[in-house]
Amino acid sequence: MTQQPEDRYQPSRRDRLRPVEYVGGAAIAAIFVGLITLMVTRDWTLTLIGLGGVFIVVLVVLALLQMAIKPDASEQAELAEHDDPENPPAPPADRGH
């Protein structure tokens, strides 16, 4: 196994758990729609179709909205590192904001 350089960008815990937040939000919306459909129609087939459809639609919408956000300096540094792993850029300077 190769060793990782110490100056390599390490995502924070919040950055690593962000996909879980999106999947969890989509699951909550899907369960809500599934429960409402089940209580109204009492049809399991329709409930599962609604649950799956809402899960996929909400997940895709959240992913598209995330792609619309401009990356910050740390994300740009990580993207640049993946483009050229032999010559990683210097870490962004803290501007005191």
PDB file of N, CA and C in Angstrom:
ATOM      1  N   MET A   1       0.825  -1.174   0.000  1.00  0.00           N
ATOM      2  CA  MET A   1       0.000   0.000   0.000  1.00  0.00           C
ATOM      3  C   MET A   1       0.876   1.246   0.000  1.00  0.00           C
ATOM      4  N   THR A   2       0.450   2.267  -0.691  1.00  0.00           N
ATOM      5  CA  THR A   2       1.225   3.498  -0.718  1.00  0.00           C
ATOM      6  C   THR A   2       0.839   4.379   0.446  1.00  0.00           C
ATOM      7  N   GLN A   3       1.788   5.152   0.915  1.00  0.00           N
ATOM      8  CA  GLN A   3       1.508   6.054   2.028  1.00  0.00           C
ATOM      9  C   GLN A   3       1.037   7.392   1.497  1.00  0.00           C
ATOM     10  N   GLN A   4       0.123   8.009   2.218  1.00  0.00           N
ATOM     11  CA  GLN A   4      -0.425   9.298   1.836  1.00  0.00           C
ATOM     12  C   GLN A   4       0.495  10.408   2.340  1.00  0.00           C
ATOM     13  N   PRO A   5       0.745  11.430   1.518  1.00  0.00           N
ATOM     14  CA  PRO A   5       1.511  12.576   2.015  1.00  0.00           C
ATOM     15  C   PRO A   5       0.714  13.316   3.083  1.00  0.00           C
ATOM     16  N   GLU A   6       1.421  13.866   4.064  1.00  0.00           N
ATOM     17  CA  GLU A   6       0.752  14.533   5.173  1.00  0.00           C
ATOM     18  C   GLU A   6       0.102  15.842   4.774  1.00  0.00           C
ATOM     19  N   ASP A   7       0.610  16.509   3.723  1.00  0.00           N
ATOM     20  CA  ASP A   7       0.045  17.790   3.327  1.00  0.00           C
ATOM     21  C   ASP A   7      -1.160  17.641   2.394  1.00  0.00           C
ATOM     22  N   ARG A   8      -1.584  16.430   2.153  1.00  0.00           N
ATOM     23  CA  ARG A   8      -2.733  16.182   1.287  1.00  0.00           C
ATOM     24  C   ARG A   8      -4.012  16.665   1.965  1.00  0.00           C
ATOM     25  N   TYR A   9      -4.918  17.185   1.162  1.00  0.00           N
ATOM     26  CA  TYR A   9      -6.181  17.710   1.693  1.00  0.00           C
ATOM     27  C   TYR A   9      -6.986  16.589   2.350  1.00  0.00           C
ATOM     28  N   GLN A  10      -7.420  16.810   3.578  1.00  0.00           N
ATOM     29  CA  GLN A  10      -8.262  15.867   4.300  1.00  0.00           C
ATOM     30  C   GLN A  10      -9.626  16.507   4.521  1.00  0.00           C
ATOM     31  N   PRO A  11     -10.694  15.927   3.980  1.00  0.00           N
ATOM     32  CA  PRO A  11     -12.012  16.530   4.185  1.00  0.00           C
ATOM     33  C   PRO A  11     -12.435  16.433   5.646  1.00  0.00           C
ATOM     34  N   SER A  12     -13.207  17.416   6.058  1.00  0.00           N
ATOM     35  CA  SER A  12     -13.686  17.420   7.432  1.00  0.00           C
ATOM     36  C   SER A  12     -14.774  16.358   7.595  1.00  0.00           C
ATOM     37  N   ARG A  13     -15.143  16.107   8.822  1.00  0.00           N
ATOM     38  CA  ARG A  13     -16.188  15.125   9.095  1.00  0.00           C
ATOM     39  C   ARG A  13     -17.506  15.559   8.455  1.00  0.00           C
ATOM     40  N   ARG A  14     -17.777  16.853   8.497  1.00  0.00           N
ATOM     41  CA  ARG A  14     -18.999  17.376   7.881  1.00  0.00           C
ATOM     42  C   ARG A  14     -19.006  17.119   6.375  1.00  0.00           C
ATOM     43  N   ASP A  15     -17.861  17.304   5.717  1.00  0.00           N
ATOM     44  CA  ASP A  15     -17.774  17.050   4.280  1.00  0.00           C
ATOM     45  C   ASP A  15     -17.961  15.572   3.954  1.00  0.00           C
ATOM     46  N   ARG A  16     -17.430  14.703   4.814  1.00  0.00           N
ATOM     47  CA  ARG A  16     -17.569  13.263   4.568  1.00  0.00           C
ATOM     48  C   ARG A  16     -18.990  12.781   4.781  1.00  0.00           C
ATOM     49  N   LEU A  17     -19.736  13.422   5.694  1.00  0.00           N
ATOM     50  CA  LEU A  17     -21.098  12.974   5.990  1.00  0.00           C
ATOM     51  C   LEU A  17     -22.156  13.678   5.146  1.00  0.00           C
ATOM     52  N   ARG A  18     -21.763  14.609   4.304  1.00  0.00           N
ATOM     53  CA  ARG A  18     -22.739  15.335   3.483  1.00  0.00           C
ATOM     54  C   ARG A  18     -23.573  14.409   2.591  1.00  0.00           C
ATOM     55  N   PRO A  19     -23.002  13.404   1.924  1.00  0.00           N
ATOM     56  CA  PRO A  19     -23.848  12.499   1.128  1.00  0.00           C
ATOM     57  C   PRO A  19     -24.884  11.761   1.971  1.00  0.00           C
ATOM     58  N   VAL A  20     -24.545  11.454   3.207  1.00  0.00           N
ATOM     59  CA  VAL A  20     -25.496  10.778   4.090  1.00  0.00           C
ATOM     60  C   VAL A  20     -26.681  11.691   4.391  1.00  0.00           C
ATOM     61  N   GLU A  21     -26.419  12.997   4.516  1.00  0.00           N
ATOM     62  CA  GLU A  21     -27.502  13.951   4.747  1.00  0.00           C
ATOM     63  C   GLU A  21     -28.468  13.965   3.564  1.00  0.00           C
ATOM     64  N   TYR A  22     -27.933  13.922   2.348  1.00  0.00           N
ATOM     65  CA  TYR A  22     -28.787  13.947   1.161  1.00  0.00           C
ATOM     66  C   TYR A  22     -29.622  12.679   1.053  1.00  0.00           C
ATOM     67  N   VAL A  23     -28.999  11.536   1.255  1.00  0.00           N
ATOM     68  CA  VAL A  23     -29.737  10.272   1.180  1.00  0.00           C
ATOM     69  C   VAL A  23     -30.764  10.201   2.309  1.00  0.00           C
ATOM     70  N   GLY A  24     -30.405  10.684   3.495  1.00  0.00           N
ATOM     71  CA  GLY A  24     -31.344  10.691   4.612  1.00  0.00           C
ATOM     72  C   GLY A  24     -32.535  11.602   4.349  1.00  0.00           C
ATOM     73  N   GLY A  25     -32.288  12.784   3.792  1.00  0.00           N
ATOM     74  CA  GLY A  25     -33.384  13.694   3.459  1.00  0.00           C
ATOM     75  C   GLY A  25     -34.312  13.100   2.415  1.00  0.00           C
ATOM     76  N   ALA A  26     -33.728  12.454   1.407  1.00  0.00           N
ATOM     77  CA  ALA A  26     -34.545  11.804   0.384  1.00  0.00           C
ATOM     78  C   ALA A  26     -35.344  10.639   0.980  1.00  0.00           C
ATOM     79  N   ALA A  27     -34.732   9.901   1.903  1.00  0.00           N
ATOM     80  CA  ALA A  27     -35.435   8.785   2.535  1.00  0.00           C
ATOM     81  C   ALA A  27     -36.595   9.279   3.401  1.00  0.00           C
ATOM     82  N   ILE A  28     -36.386  10.377   4.120  1.00  0.00           N
ATOM     83  CA  ILE A  28     -37.460  10.926   4.954  1.00  0.00           C
ATOM     84  C   ILE A  28     -38.630  11.383   4.091  1.00  0.00           C
ATOM     85  N   ALA A  29     -38.338  12.067   2.994  1.00  0.00           N
ATOM     86  CA  ALA A  29     -39.409  12.508   2.091  1.00  0.00           C
ATOM     87  C   ALA A  29     -40.130  11.307   1.487  1.00  0.00           C
ATOM     88  N   ALA A  30     -39.388  10.274   1.116  1.00  0.00           N
ATOM     89  CA  ALA A  30     -39.995   9.085   0.520  1.00  0.00           C
ATOM     90  C   ALA A  30     -40.868   8.345   1.530  1.00  0.00           C
ATOM     91  N   ILE A  31     -40.413   8.220   2.757  1.00  0.00           N
ATOM     92  CA  ILE A  31     -41.209   7.544   3.787  1.00  0.00           C
ATOM     93  C   ILE A  31     -42.484   8.325   4.065  1.00  0.00           C
ATOM     94  N   PHE A  32     -42.374   9.645   4.101  1.00  0.00           N
ATOM     95  CA  PHE A  32     -43.558  10.485   4.314  1.00  0.00           C
ATOM     96  C   PHE A  32     -44.588  10.243   3.211  1.00  0.00           C
ATOM     97  N   VAL A  33     -44.155  10.291   1.965  1.00  0.00           N
ATOM     98  CA  VAL A  33     -45.085  10.070   0.846  1.00  0.00           C
ATOM     99  C   VAL A  33     -45.610   8.641   0.874  1.00  0.00           C
ATOM    100  N   GLY A  34     -44.756   7.681   1.206  1.00  0.00           N
ATOM    101  CA  GLY A  34     -45.204   6.295   1.288  1.00  0.00           C
ATOM    102  C   GLY A  34     -46.269   6.095   2.348  1.00  0.00           C
ATOM    103  N   LEU A  35     -46.073   6.706   3.522  1.00  0.00           N
ATOM    104  CA  LEU A  35     -47.078   6.568   4.585  1.00  0.00           C
ATOM    105  C   LEU A  35     -48.402   7.230   4.203  1.00  0.00           C
ATOM    106  N   ILE A  36     -48.327   8.404   3.608  1.00  0.00           N
ATOM    107  CA  ILE A  36     -49.553   9.084   3.179  1.00  0.00           C
ATOM    108  C   ILE A  36     -50.277   8.245   2.132  1.00  0.00           C
ATOM    109  N   THR A  37     -49.535   7.712   1.164  1.00  0.00           N
ATOM    110  CA  THR A  37     -50.152   6.884   0.118  1.00  0.00           C
ATOM    111  C   THR A  37     -50.764   5.622   0.712  1.00  0.00           C
ATOM    112  N   LEU A  38     -50.079   5.002   1.650  1.00  0.00           N
ATOM    113  CA  LEU A  38     -50.601   3.781   2.269  1.00  0.00           C
ATOM    114  C   LEU A  38     -51.867   4.074   3.066  1.00  0.00           C
ATOM    115  N   MET A  39     -51.891   5.190   3.794  1.00  0.00           N
ATOM    116  CA  MET A  39     -53.082   5.514   4.583  1.00  0.00           C
ATOM    117  C   MET A  39     -54.277   5.866   3.699  1.00  0.00           C
ATOM    118  N   VAL A  40     -54.017   6.479   2.554  1.00  0.00           N
ATOM    119  CA  VAL A  40     -55.120   6.893   1.686  1.00  0.00           C
ATOM    120  C   VAL A  40     -55.625   5.738   0.830  1.00  0.00           C
ATOM    121  N   THR A  41     -54.724   4.985   0.204  1.00  0.00           N
ATOM    122  CA  THR A  41     -55.152   3.962  -0.759  1.00  0.00           C
ATOM    123  C   THR A  41     -55.155   2.546  -0.191  1.00  0.00           C
ATOM    124  N   ARG A  42     -54.350   2.275   0.816  1.00  0.00           N
ATOM    125  CA  ARG A  42     -54.164   0.934   1.389  1.00  0.00           C
ATOM    126  C   ARG A  42     -53.717  -0.085   0.333  1.00  0.00           C
ATOM    127  N   ASP A  43     -52.982   0.417  -0.640  1.00  0.00           N
ATOM    128  CA  ASP A  43     -52.459  -0.428  -1.717  1.00  0.00           C
ATOM    129  C   ASP A  43     -50.936  -0.430  -1.633  1.00  0.00           C
ATOM    130  N   TRP A  44     -50.365  -1.608  -1.345  1.00  0.00           N
ATOM    131  CA  TRP A  44     -48.924  -1.696  -1.158  1.00  0.00           C
ATOM    132  C   TRP A  44     -48.158  -1.425  -2.447  1.00  0.00           C
ATOM    133  N   THR A  45     -48.688  -1.847  -3.578  1.00  0.00           N
ATOM    134  CA  THR A  45     -47.996  -1.625  -4.848  1.00  0.00           C
ATOM    135  C   THR A  45     -47.861  -0.134  -5.135  1.00  0.00           C
ATOM    136  N   LEU A  46     -48.949   0.591  -4.990  1.00  0.00           N
ATOM    137  CA  LEU A  46     -48.930   2.031  -5.220  1.00  0.00           C
ATOM    138  C   LEU A  46     -48.023   2.734  -4.205  1.00  0.00           C
ATOM    139  N   THR A  47     -48.018   2.242  -2.976  1.00  0.00           N
ATOM    140  CA  THR A  47     -47.170   2.819  -1.936  1.00  0.00           C
ATOM    141  C   THR A  47     -45.690   2.652  -2.278  1.00  0.00           C
ATOM    142  N   LEU A  48     -45.306   1.447  -2.708  1.00  0.00           N
ATOM    143  CA  LEU A  48     -43.898   1.205  -3.046  1.00  0.00           C
ATOM    144  C   LEU A  48     -43.470   1.988  -4.278  1.00  0.00           C
ATOM    145  N   ILE A  49     -44.366   2.130  -5.248  1.00  0.00           N
ATOM    146  CA  ILE A  49     -44.040   2.926  -6.437  1.00  0.00           C
ATOM    147  C   ILE A  49     -43.838   4.393  -6.036  1.00  0.00           C
ATOM    148  N   GLY A  50     -44.725   4.929  -5.230  1.00  0.00           N
ATOM    149  CA  GLY A  50     -44.597   6.316  -4.775  1.00  0.00           C
ATOM    150  C   GLY A  50     -43.352   6.523  -3.931  1.00  0.00           C
ATOM    151  N   LEU A  51     -43.083   5.577  -3.042  1.00  0.00           N
ATOM    152  CA  LEU A  51     -41.903   5.671  -2.182  1.00  0.00           C
ATOM    153  C   LEU A  51     -40.623   5.689  -3.008  1.00  0.00           C
ATOM    154  N   GLY A  52     -40.493   4.771  -3.940  1.00  0.00           N
ATOM    155  CA  GLY A  52     -39.289   4.711  -4.772  1.00  0.00           C
ATOM    156  C   GLY A  52     -39.151   5.915  -5.688  1.00  0.00           C
ATOM    157  N   GLY A  53     -40.272   6.329  -6.276  1.00  0.00           N
ATOM    158  CA  GLY A  53     -40.231   7.483  -7.171  1.00  0.00           C
ATOM    159  C   GLY A  53     -39.835   8.754  -6.462  1.00  0.00           C
ATOM    160  N   VAL A  54     -40.420   9.000  -5.305  1.00  0.00           N
ATOM    161  CA  VAL A  54     -40.094  10.210  -4.555  1.00  0.00           C
ATOM    162  C   VAL A  54     -38.646  10.168  -4.072  1.00  0.00           C
ATOM    163  N   PHE A  55     -38.165   9.009  -3.644  1.00  0.00           N
ATOM    164  CA  PHE A  55     -36.777   8.897  -3.201  1.00  0.00           C
ATOM    165  C   PHE A  55     -35.817   9.284  -4.322  1.00  0.00           C
ATOM    166  N   ILE A  56     -36.042   8.753  -5.510  1.00  0.00           N
ATOM    167  CA  ILE A  56     -35.155   9.030  -6.635  1.00  0.00           C
ATOM    168  C   ILE A  56     -35.241  10.493  -7.057  1.00  0.00           C
ATOM    169  N   VAL A  57     -36.457  11.026  -7.149  1.00  0.00           N
ATOM    170  CA  VAL A  57     -36.623  12.412  -7.589  1.00  0.00           C
ATOM    171  C   VAL A  57     -35.978  13.376  -6.599  1.00  0.00           C
ATOM    172  N   VAL A  58     -36.213  13.192  -5.306  1.00  0.00           N
ATOM    173  CA  VAL A  58     -35.633  14.091  -4.306  1.00  0.00           C
ATOM    174  C   VAL A  58     -34.114  13.972  -4.304  1.00  0.00           C
ATOM    175  N   LEU A  59     -33.580  12.774  -4.425  1.00  0.00           N
ATOM    176  CA  LEU A  59     -32.129  12.606  -4.446  1.00  0.00           C
ATOM    177  C   LEU A  59     -31.501  13.285  -5.662  1.00  0.00           C
ATOM    178  N   VAL A  60     -32.115  13.156  -6.817  1.00  0.00           N
ATOM    179  CA  VAL A  60     -31.590  13.801  -8.025  1.00  0.00           C
ATOM    180  C   VAL A  60     -31.668  15.319  -7.901  1.00  0.00           C
ATOM    181  N   VAL A  61     -32.780  15.844  -7.376  1.00  0.00           N
ATOM    182  CA  VAL A  61     -32.919  17.292  -7.217  1.00  0.00           C
ATOM    183  C   VAL A  61     -31.874  17.828  -6.240  1.00  0.00           C
ATOM    184  N   LEU A  62     -31.655  17.143  -5.129  1.00  0.00           N
ATOM    185  CA  LEU A  62     -30.634  17.585  -4.177  1.00  0.00           C
ATOM    186  C   LEU A  62     -29.237  17.549  -4.797  1.00  0.00           C
ATOM    187  N   ALA A  63     -28.956  16.535  -5.589  1.00  0.00           N
ATOM    188  CA  ALA A  63     -27.648  16.448  -6.243  1.00  0.00           C
ATOM    189  C   ALA A  63     -27.471  17.584  -7.254  1.00  0.00           C
ATOM    190  N   LEU A  64     -28.516  17.887  -8.015  1.00  0.00           N
ATOM    191  CA  LEU A  64     -28.418  18.982  -8.980  1.00  0.00           C
ATOM    192  C   LEU A  64     -28.260  20.330  -8.289  1.00  0.00           C
ATOM    193  N   LEU A  65     -28.949  20.525  -7.192  1.00  0.00           N
ATOM    194  CA  LEU A  65     -28.790  21.771  -6.444  1.00  0.00           C
ATOM    195  C   LEU A  65     -27.384  21.895  -5.869  1.00  0.00           C
ATOM    196  N   GLN A  66     -26.816  20.794  -5.407  1.00  0.00           N
ATOM    197  CA  GLN A  66     -25.452  20.821  -4.881  1.00  0.00           C
ATOM    198  C   GLN A  66     -24.453  21.153  -5.985  1.00  0.00           C
ATOM    199  N   MET A  67     -24.700  20.673  -7.207  1.00  0.00           N
ATOM    200  CA  MET A  67     -23.795  20.962  -8.311  1.00  0.00           C
ATOM    201  C   MET A  67     -23.864  22.427  -8.726  1.00  0.00           C
ATOM    202  N   ALA A  68     -24.952  23.103  -8.408  1.00  0.00           N
ATOM    203  CA  ALA A  68     -25.116  24.501  -8.788  1.00  0.00           C
ATOM    204  C   ALA A  68     -24.328  25.443  -7.881  1.00  0.00           C
ATOM    205  N   ILE A  69     -23.888  24.956  -6.729  1.00  0.00           N
ATOM    206  CA  ILE A  69     -23.148  25.789  -5.784  1.00  0.00           C
ATOM    207  C   ILE A  69     -21.693  25.881  -6.222  1.00  0.00           C
ATOM    208  N   LYS A  70     -21.148  27.098  -6.203  1.00  0.00           N
ATOM    209  CA  LYS A  70     -19.753  27.323  -6.579  1.00  0.00           C
ATOM    210  C   LYS A  70     -18.839  26.743  -5.500  1.00  0.00           C
ATOM    211  N   PRO A  71     -17.804  25.973  -5.890  1.00  0.00           N
ATOM    212  CA  PRO A  71     -16.904  25.391  -4.883  1.00  0.00           C
ATOM    213  C   PRO A  71     -16.075  26.462  -4.188  1.00  0.00           C
ATOM    214  N   ASP A  72     -15.819  26.246  -2.889  1.00  0.00           N
ATOM    215  CA  ASP A  72     -14.992  27.187  -2.141  1.00  0.00           C
ATOM    216  C   ASP A  72     -13.508  26.860  -2.370  1.00  0.00           C
ATOM    217  N   ALA A  73     -12.637  27.582  -1.681  1.00  0.00           N
ATOM    218  CA  ALA A  73     -11.195  27.450  -1.915  1.00  0.00           C
ATOM    219  C   ALA A  73     -10.682  26.049  -1.611  1.00  0.00           C
ATOM    220  N   SER A  74     -11.160  25.434  -0.534  1.00  0.00           N
ATOM    221  CA  SER A  74     -10.663  24.099  -0.193  1.00  0.00           C
ATOM    222  C   SER A  74     -11.119  23.064  -1.226  1.00  0.00           C
ATOM    223  N   GLU A  75     -12.330  23.219  -1.748  1.00  0.00           N
ATOM    224  CA  GLU A  75     -12.796  22.294  -2.769  1.00  0.00           C
ATOM    225  C   GLU A  75     -12.035  22.494  -4.072  1.00  0.00           C
ATOM    226  N   GLN A  76     -11.718  23.736  -4.411  1.00  0.00           N
ATOM    227  CA  GLN A  76     -10.929  23.986  -5.611  1.00  0.00           C
ATOM    228  C   GLN A  76      -9.530  23.395  -5.474  1.00  0.00           C
ATOM    229  N   ALA A  77      -8.958  23.461  -4.275  1.00  0.00           N
ATOM    230  CA  ALA A  77      -7.639  22.873  -4.043  1.00  0.00           C
ATOM    231  C   ALA A  77      -7.694  21.357  -4.196  1.00  0.00           C
ATOM    232  N   GLU A  78      -8.758  20.749  -3.700  1.00  0.00           N
ATOM    233  CA  GLU A  78      -8.905  19.303  -3.828  1.00  0.00           C
ATOM    234  C   GLU A  78      -9.084  18.904  -5.292  1.00  0.00           C
ATOM    235  N   LEU A  79      -9.873  19.670  -6.043  1.00  0.00           N
ATOM    236  CA  LEU A  79     -10.059  19.383  -7.462  1.00  0.00           C
ATOM    237  C   LEU A  79      -8.752  19.534  -8.228  1.00  0.00           C
ATOM    238  N   ALA A  80      -7.977  20.557  -7.901  1.00  0.00           N
ATOM    239  CA  ALA A  80      -6.693  20.767  -8.570  1.00  0.00           C
ATOM    240  C   ALA A  80      -5.724  19.638  -8.238  1.00  0.00           C
ATOM    241  N   GLU A  81      -5.796  19.127  -7.016  1.00  0.00           N
ATOM    242  CA  GLU A  81      -4.914  18.027  -6.608  1.00  0.00           C
ATOM    243  C   GLU A  81      -5.241  16.765  -7.393  1.00  0.00           C
ATOM    244  N   HIS A  82      -6.507  16.528  -7.644  1.00  0.00           N
ATOM    245  CA  HIS A  82      -6.898  15.340  -8.403  1.00  0.00           C
ATOM    246  C   HIS A  82      -6.516  15.482  -9.875  1.00  0.00           C
ATOM    247  N   ASP A  83      -6.488  16.711 -10.394  1.00  0.00           N
ATOM    248  CA  ASP A  83      -6.087  16.926 -11.774  1.00  0.00           C
ATOM    249  C   ASP A  83      -4.590  16.689 -11.961  1.00  0.00           C
ATOM    250  N   ASP A  84      -3.777  17.097 -11.001  1.00  0.00           N
ATOM    251  CA  ASP A  84      -2.329  16.970 -11.087  1.00  0.00           C
ATOM    252  C   ASP A  84      -1.790  16.473  -9.745  1.00  0.00           C
ATOM    253  N   PRO A  85      -1.828  15.147  -9.480  1.00  0.00           N
ATOM    254  CA  PRO A  85      -1.407  14.639  -8.166  1.00  0.00           C
ATOM    255  C   PRO A  85       0.090  14.797  -7.902  1.00  0.00           C
ATOM    256  N   GLU A  86       0.914  14.949  -8.943  1.00  0.00           N
ATOM    257  CA  GLU A  86       2.354  15.102  -8.748  1.00  0.00           C
ATOM    258  C   GLU A  86       2.729  16.498  -8.256  1.00  0.00           C
ATOM    259  N   ASN A  87       1.919  17.504  -8.587  1.00  0.00           N
ATOM    260  CA  ASN A  87       2.237  18.878  -8.234  1.00  0.00           C
ATOM    261  C   ASN A  87       1.014  19.531  -7.579  1.00  0.00           C
ATOM    262  N   PRO A  88       0.714  19.165  -6.317  1.00  0.00           N
ATOM    263  CA  PRO A  88      -0.480  19.737  -5.675  1.00  0.00           C
ATOM    264  C   PRO A  88      -0.283  21.218  -5.394  1.00  0.00           C
ATOM    265  N   PRO A  89      -1.367  22.013  -5.461  1.00  0.00           N
ATOM    266  CA  PRO A  89      -1.259  23.446  -5.189  1.00  0.00           C
ATOM    267  C   PRO A  89      -1.042  23.701  -3.710  1.00  0.00           C
ATOM    268  N   ALA A  90      -0.562  24.901  -3.421  1.00  0.00           N
ATOM    269  CA  ALA A  90      -0.378  25.292  -2.024  1.00  0.00           C
ATOM    270  C   ALA A  90      -1.747  25.472  -1.382  1.00  0.00           C
ATOM    271  N   PRO A  91      -1.865  25.192  -0.075  1.00  0.00           N
ATOM    272  CA  PRO A  91      -3.162  25.382   0.583  1.00  0.00           C
ATOM    273  C   PRO A  91      -3.565  26.843   0.552  1.00  0.00           C
ATOM    274  N   PRO A  92      -4.881  27.123   0.466  1.00  0.00           N
ATOM    275  CA  PRO A  92      -5.320  28.521   0.406  1.00  0.00           C
ATOM    276  C   PRO A  92      -4.981  29.267   1.696  1.00  0.00           C
ATOM    277  N   ALA A  93      -4.629  30.528   1.544  1.00  0.00           N
ATOM    278  CA  ALA A  93      -4.268  31.353   2.684  1.00  0.00           C
ATOM    279  C   ALA A  93      -5.540  31.769   3.414  1.00  0.00           C
ATOM    280  N   ASP A  94      -5.457  31.813   4.751  1.00  0.00           N
ATOM    281  CA  ASP A  94      -6.596  32.232   5.563  1.00  0.00           C
ATOM    282  C   ASP A  94      -6.687  33.751   5.504  1.00  0.00           C
ATOM    283  N   ARG A  95      -7.825  34.252   5.065  1.00  0.00           N
ATOM    284  CA  ARG A  95      -8.004  35.692   4.919  1.00  0.00           C
ATOM    285  C   ARG A  95      -8.561  36.349   6.173  1.00  0.00           C
ATOM    286  N   GLY A  96      -8.779  35.569   7.217  1.00  0.00           N
ATOM    287  CA  GLY A  96      -9.239  36.130   8.480  1.00  0.00           C
ATOM    288  C   GLY A  96     -10.720  36.472   8.498  1.00  0.00           C
ATOM    289  N   HIS A  97     -11.507  35.781   7.671  1.00  0.00           N
ATOM    290  CA  HIS A  97     -12.964  36.023   7.658  1.00  0.00           C
ATOM    291  C   HIS A  97     -13.628  35.276   8.770  1.00  0.00           C
TER     292      HIS A  97
END
